N, C-alpha and C. Protein backbone atom coordinates (compact mmCIF):
# COMPACT_ATOMS: atom_id res chain seq x y z
N MET A 1 37.48 10.11 -3.79
CA MET A 1 36.38 9.99 -2.86
C MET A 1 36.55 8.70 -2.07
N LEU A 2 36.47 8.80 -0.76
CA LEU A 2 36.61 7.65 0.13
C LEU A 2 35.25 7.24 0.67
N THR A 3 35.14 5.99 1.05
CA THR A 3 33.96 5.51 1.78
C THR A 3 34.36 5.38 3.24
N LEU A 4 33.77 6.21 4.08
CA LEU A 4 34.11 6.27 5.50
C LEU A 4 32.93 5.80 6.33
N ALA A 5 33.19 4.94 7.29
CA ALA A 5 32.15 4.42 8.17
C ALA A 5 32.37 4.93 9.58
N PHE A 6 31.27 5.26 10.25
CA PHE A 6 31.32 5.77 11.60
C PHE A 6 30.31 5.03 12.47
N PRO A 7 30.74 4.37 13.57
CA PRO A 7 29.76 3.82 14.51
C PRO A 7 28.88 4.96 15.02
N ALA A 8 27.57 4.76 14.96
CA ALA A 8 26.66 5.88 15.28
C ALA A 8 25.45 5.44 16.10
N TRP A 9 25.59 4.40 16.89
CA TRP A 9 24.42 3.95 17.64
C TRP A 9 24.42 4.44 19.09
N ARG A 10 25.46 5.15 19.51
CA ARG A 10 25.49 5.72 20.87
C ARG A 10 25.80 7.20 20.81
N ARG A 11 25.18 7.95 21.70
CA ARG A 11 25.44 9.39 21.76
C ARG A 11 26.92 9.68 22.01
N GLY A 12 27.55 8.86 22.83
CA GLY A 12 28.98 9.05 23.12
C GLY A 12 29.83 8.94 21.88
N PHE A 13 29.49 8.01 20.98
CA PHE A 13 30.23 7.90 19.72
C PHE A 13 30.10 9.18 18.91
N LEU A 14 28.88 9.72 18.86
CA LEU A 14 28.63 10.90 18.02
C LEU A 14 29.29 12.15 18.58
N LYS A 15 29.47 12.21 19.89
CA LYS A 15 30.19 13.35 20.47
C LYS A 15 31.61 13.40 19.93
N VAL A 16 32.19 12.23 19.70
CA VAL A 16 33.57 12.16 19.23
C VAL A 16 33.65 12.41 17.73
N VAL A 17 32.75 11.81 16.93
CA VAL A 17 32.91 11.83 15.47
C VAL A 17 31.97 12.78 14.73
N GLY A 18 31.05 13.41 15.42
CA GLY A 18 30.05 14.24 14.74
C GLY A 18 30.62 15.29 13.81
N SER A 19 31.63 16.02 14.26
CA SER A 19 32.21 17.06 13.41
C SER A 19 32.96 16.46 12.23
N VAL A 20 33.56 15.27 12.42
CA VAL A 20 34.28 14.61 11.33
C VAL A 20 33.29 14.11 10.28
N VAL A 21 32.14 13.62 10.72
CA VAL A 21 31.09 13.20 9.77
C VAL A 21 30.69 14.39 8.90
N GLY A 22 30.42 15.52 9.53
CA GLY A 22 30.03 16.71 8.78
C GLY A 22 31.09 17.15 7.79
N GLU A 23 32.35 17.10 8.19
CA GLU A 23 33.43 17.51 7.30
C GLU A 23 33.61 16.52 6.15
N ALA A 24 33.46 15.23 6.43
CA ALA A 24 33.57 14.22 5.37
C ALA A 24 32.48 14.43 4.32
N LEU A 25 31.28 14.73 4.75
CA LEU A 25 30.19 15.00 3.80
C LEU A 25 30.46 16.27 3.01
N ARG A 26 30.97 17.30 3.69
CA ARG A 26 31.27 18.55 3.01
C ARG A 26 32.30 18.34 1.90
N ARG A 27 33.21 17.41 2.12
CA ARG A 27 34.26 17.12 1.13
C ARG A 27 33.84 16.04 0.13
N ASP A 28 32.56 15.71 0.12
CA ASP A 28 31.98 14.77 -0.84
C ASP A 28 32.47 13.33 -0.71
N HIS A 29 32.85 12.93 0.49
CA HIS A 29 33.15 11.51 0.71
C HIS A 29 31.83 10.77 0.93
N ARG A 30 31.85 9.47 0.67
CA ARG A 30 30.69 8.63 0.96
C ARG A 30 30.74 8.31 2.45
N VAL A 31 29.69 8.66 3.17
CA VAL A 31 29.65 8.45 4.62
C VAL A 31 28.59 7.40 4.94
N MET A 32 29.01 6.41 5.72
CA MET A 32 28.11 5.37 6.19
C MET A 32 28.05 5.44 7.70
N LEU A 33 26.86 5.64 8.22
CA LEU A 33 26.65 5.66 9.66
C LEU A 33 26.19 4.26 10.06
N LEU A 34 26.97 3.61 10.89
CA LEU A 34 26.67 2.24 11.31
C LEU A 34 25.75 2.30 12.53
N TRP A 35 24.58 1.71 12.40
CA TRP A 35 23.58 1.79 13.47
C TRP A 35 23.12 0.40 13.88
N ARG A 36 22.84 0.26 15.15
CA ARG A 36 22.23 -0.95 15.69
C ARG A 36 21.51 -0.57 16.98
N PRO A 37 20.51 -1.34 17.37
CA PRO A 37 19.82 -1.03 18.64
C PRO A 37 20.81 -1.13 19.80
N ASP A 38 20.73 -0.21 20.72
CA ASP A 38 21.63 -0.21 21.87
C ASP A 38 20.81 -0.07 23.15
N PRO A 39 20.92 -1.02 24.06
CA PRO A 39 20.13 -0.97 25.29
C PRO A 39 20.70 -0.07 26.38
N LYS A 40 21.89 0.49 26.18
CA LYS A 40 22.51 1.29 27.23
C LYS A 40 21.67 2.54 27.52
N PRO A 41 21.22 2.71 28.76
CA PRO A 41 20.35 3.84 29.10
C PRO A 41 20.99 5.19 28.78
N GLY A 42 20.21 6.06 28.14
CA GLY A 42 20.66 7.41 27.84
C GLY A 42 21.60 7.53 26.65
N GLU A 43 21.98 6.44 26.03
CA GLU A 43 22.94 6.47 24.93
C GLU A 43 22.30 6.19 23.57
N ARG A 44 21.10 5.65 23.56
CA ARG A 44 20.48 5.22 22.32
C ARG A 44 20.27 6.40 21.36
N VAL A 45 20.57 6.16 20.10
CA VAL A 45 20.36 7.13 19.03
C VAL A 45 19.36 6.52 18.06
N GLU A 46 18.38 7.28 17.64
CA GLU A 46 17.37 6.79 16.70
C GLU A 46 17.81 7.05 15.26
N VAL A 47 17.42 6.16 14.37
CA VAL A 47 17.74 6.31 12.94
C VAL A 47 17.19 7.63 12.42
N ALA A 48 16.00 8.00 12.83
CA ALA A 48 15.40 9.26 12.35
C ALA A 48 16.25 10.47 12.73
N ASP A 49 16.87 10.43 13.91
CA ASP A 49 17.74 11.54 14.33
C ASP A 49 18.98 11.63 13.44
N LEU A 50 19.55 10.48 13.10
CA LEU A 50 20.73 10.47 12.22
C LEU A 50 20.35 10.99 10.83
N ALA A 51 19.23 10.53 10.32
CA ALA A 51 18.78 10.95 8.98
C ALA A 51 18.49 12.45 8.95
N TRP A 52 17.96 12.98 10.02
CA TRP A 52 17.67 14.42 10.08
C TRP A 52 18.97 15.23 10.12
N ARG A 53 19.93 14.78 10.93
CA ARG A 53 21.17 15.55 11.10
C ARG A 53 22.09 15.45 9.88
N TRP A 54 22.18 14.25 9.28
CA TRP A 54 23.06 14.03 8.13
C TRP A 54 22.27 13.37 7.00
N PRO A 55 21.44 14.12 6.30
CA PRO A 55 20.57 13.53 5.28
C PRO A 55 21.32 12.91 4.09
N HIS A 56 22.57 13.27 3.87
CA HIS A 56 23.31 12.72 2.73
C HIS A 56 24.16 11.51 3.10
N ALA A 57 24.12 11.12 4.35
CA ALA A 57 24.85 9.93 4.79
C ALA A 57 23.95 8.70 4.61
N ARG A 58 24.58 7.58 4.40
CA ARG A 58 23.85 6.31 4.29
C ARG A 58 23.86 5.65 5.67
N ILE A 59 22.71 5.22 6.13
CA ILE A 59 22.61 4.59 7.44
C ILE A 59 22.51 3.09 7.23
N LEU A 60 23.47 2.37 7.80
CA LEU A 60 23.52 0.91 7.64
C LEU A 60 23.12 0.24 8.95
N ASP A 61 22.13 -0.60 8.89
CA ASP A 61 21.76 -1.38 10.07
C ASP A 61 21.76 -2.87 9.76
N GLY A 62 22.38 -3.22 8.65
CA GLY A 62 22.43 -4.61 8.23
C GLY A 62 23.85 -5.13 8.21
N PRO A 63 24.10 -6.10 7.35
CA PRO A 63 25.44 -6.69 7.30
C PRO A 63 26.49 -5.68 6.86
N PRO A 64 27.71 -5.85 7.37
CA PRO A 64 28.79 -4.93 7.03
C PRO A 64 29.15 -4.96 5.55
N VAL A 65 29.60 -3.84 5.04
CA VAL A 65 30.09 -3.72 3.67
C VAL A 65 31.52 -3.19 3.73
N PRO A 66 32.35 -3.46 2.72
CA PRO A 66 33.72 -2.95 2.75
C PRO A 66 33.76 -1.42 2.69
N VAL A 67 34.67 -0.85 3.43
CA VAL A 67 34.86 0.61 3.45
C VAL A 67 36.36 0.91 3.42
N ASP A 68 36.69 2.16 3.14
CA ASP A 68 38.10 2.57 3.13
C ASP A 68 38.63 2.80 4.54
N ALA A 69 37.76 3.20 5.46
CA ALA A 69 38.19 3.44 6.84
C ALA A 69 36.98 3.45 7.76
N ILE A 70 37.21 3.00 8.98
CA ILE A 70 36.22 3.08 10.05
C ILE A 70 36.79 4.05 11.07
N ILE A 71 36.04 5.08 11.38
CA ILE A 71 36.52 6.13 12.28
C ILE A 71 35.57 6.21 13.46
N GLY A 72 36.12 6.12 14.67
CA GLY A 72 35.27 6.15 15.85
C GLY A 72 36.01 6.59 17.08
N ASP A 73 35.35 6.43 18.22
CA ASP A 73 35.99 6.77 19.49
C ASP A 73 37.04 5.70 19.80
N PRO A 74 37.80 5.84 20.89
CA PRO A 74 38.87 4.88 21.15
C PRO A 74 38.42 3.41 21.24
N ALA A 75 37.15 3.14 21.47
CA ALA A 75 36.66 1.76 21.54
C ALA A 75 36.51 1.12 20.17
N VAL A 76 36.73 1.86 19.09
CA VAL A 76 36.51 1.33 17.74
C VAL A 76 37.36 0.10 17.47
N GLY A 77 38.50 0.00 18.09
CA GLY A 77 39.35 -1.17 17.90
C GLY A 77 38.79 -2.43 18.53
N GLU A 78 37.89 -2.28 19.49
CA GLU A 78 37.33 -3.42 20.21
C GLU A 78 35.93 -3.81 19.72
N LEU A 79 35.31 -2.99 18.90
CA LEU A 79 33.95 -3.26 18.45
C LEU A 79 33.95 -4.41 17.45
N ARG A 80 32.91 -5.23 17.53
CA ARG A 80 32.79 -6.37 16.61
C ARG A 80 31.71 -6.09 15.58
N ASP A 81 31.68 -6.92 14.57
CA ASP A 81 30.66 -6.84 13.51
C ASP A 81 30.70 -5.52 12.75
N LEU A 82 31.88 -4.99 12.54
CA LEU A 82 32.04 -3.78 11.75
C LEU A 82 32.50 -4.16 10.35
N PRO A 83 32.34 -3.27 9.39
CA PRO A 83 32.83 -3.55 8.04
C PRO A 83 34.34 -3.81 8.04
N SER A 84 34.80 -4.46 6.99
CA SER A 84 36.25 -4.66 6.87
C SER A 84 36.88 -3.34 6.43
N GLY A 85 38.05 -3.09 6.93
CA GLY A 85 38.77 -1.87 6.61
C GLY A 85 39.57 -1.41 7.80
N PRO A 86 40.55 -0.55 7.58
CA PRO A 86 41.36 -0.06 8.70
C PRO A 86 40.52 0.75 9.67
N ARG A 87 40.89 0.69 10.93
CA ARG A 87 40.15 1.41 11.98
C ARG A 87 41.03 2.53 12.53
N TYR A 88 40.40 3.69 12.70
CA TYR A 88 41.10 4.85 13.25
C TYR A 88 40.31 5.37 14.44
N ALA A 89 40.99 5.56 15.56
CA ALA A 89 40.34 6.04 16.77
C ALA A 89 40.59 7.54 16.95
N LEU A 90 39.52 8.26 17.23
CA LEU A 90 39.61 9.69 17.56
C LEU A 90 39.39 9.83 19.05
N ASP A 91 40.02 10.80 19.64
CA ASP A 91 39.81 11.10 21.06
C ASP A 91 39.57 12.60 21.16
N PHE A 92 38.78 12.98 22.12
CA PHE A 92 38.51 14.41 22.27
C PHE A 92 39.01 14.90 23.59
């Protein structure tokens, strides 16, 4: 079982990783959705929406914790304040 983290504070991020989040949960991996307030118009995702869509995922809005991998859109390599661990970029 792996601990996988996914940036999840923008709709654009979720378009890229949403299906991977679902598959990781189906395979019983520990999924952490990384959330923070985002001022970008039209991109903000609410914690309640994440909890409704993926009730078995852990939503983190505090300090980073170690994970086995961070999986996100191509910007994942440039994002700061993420947990320690290797970063993998998905593109659609």
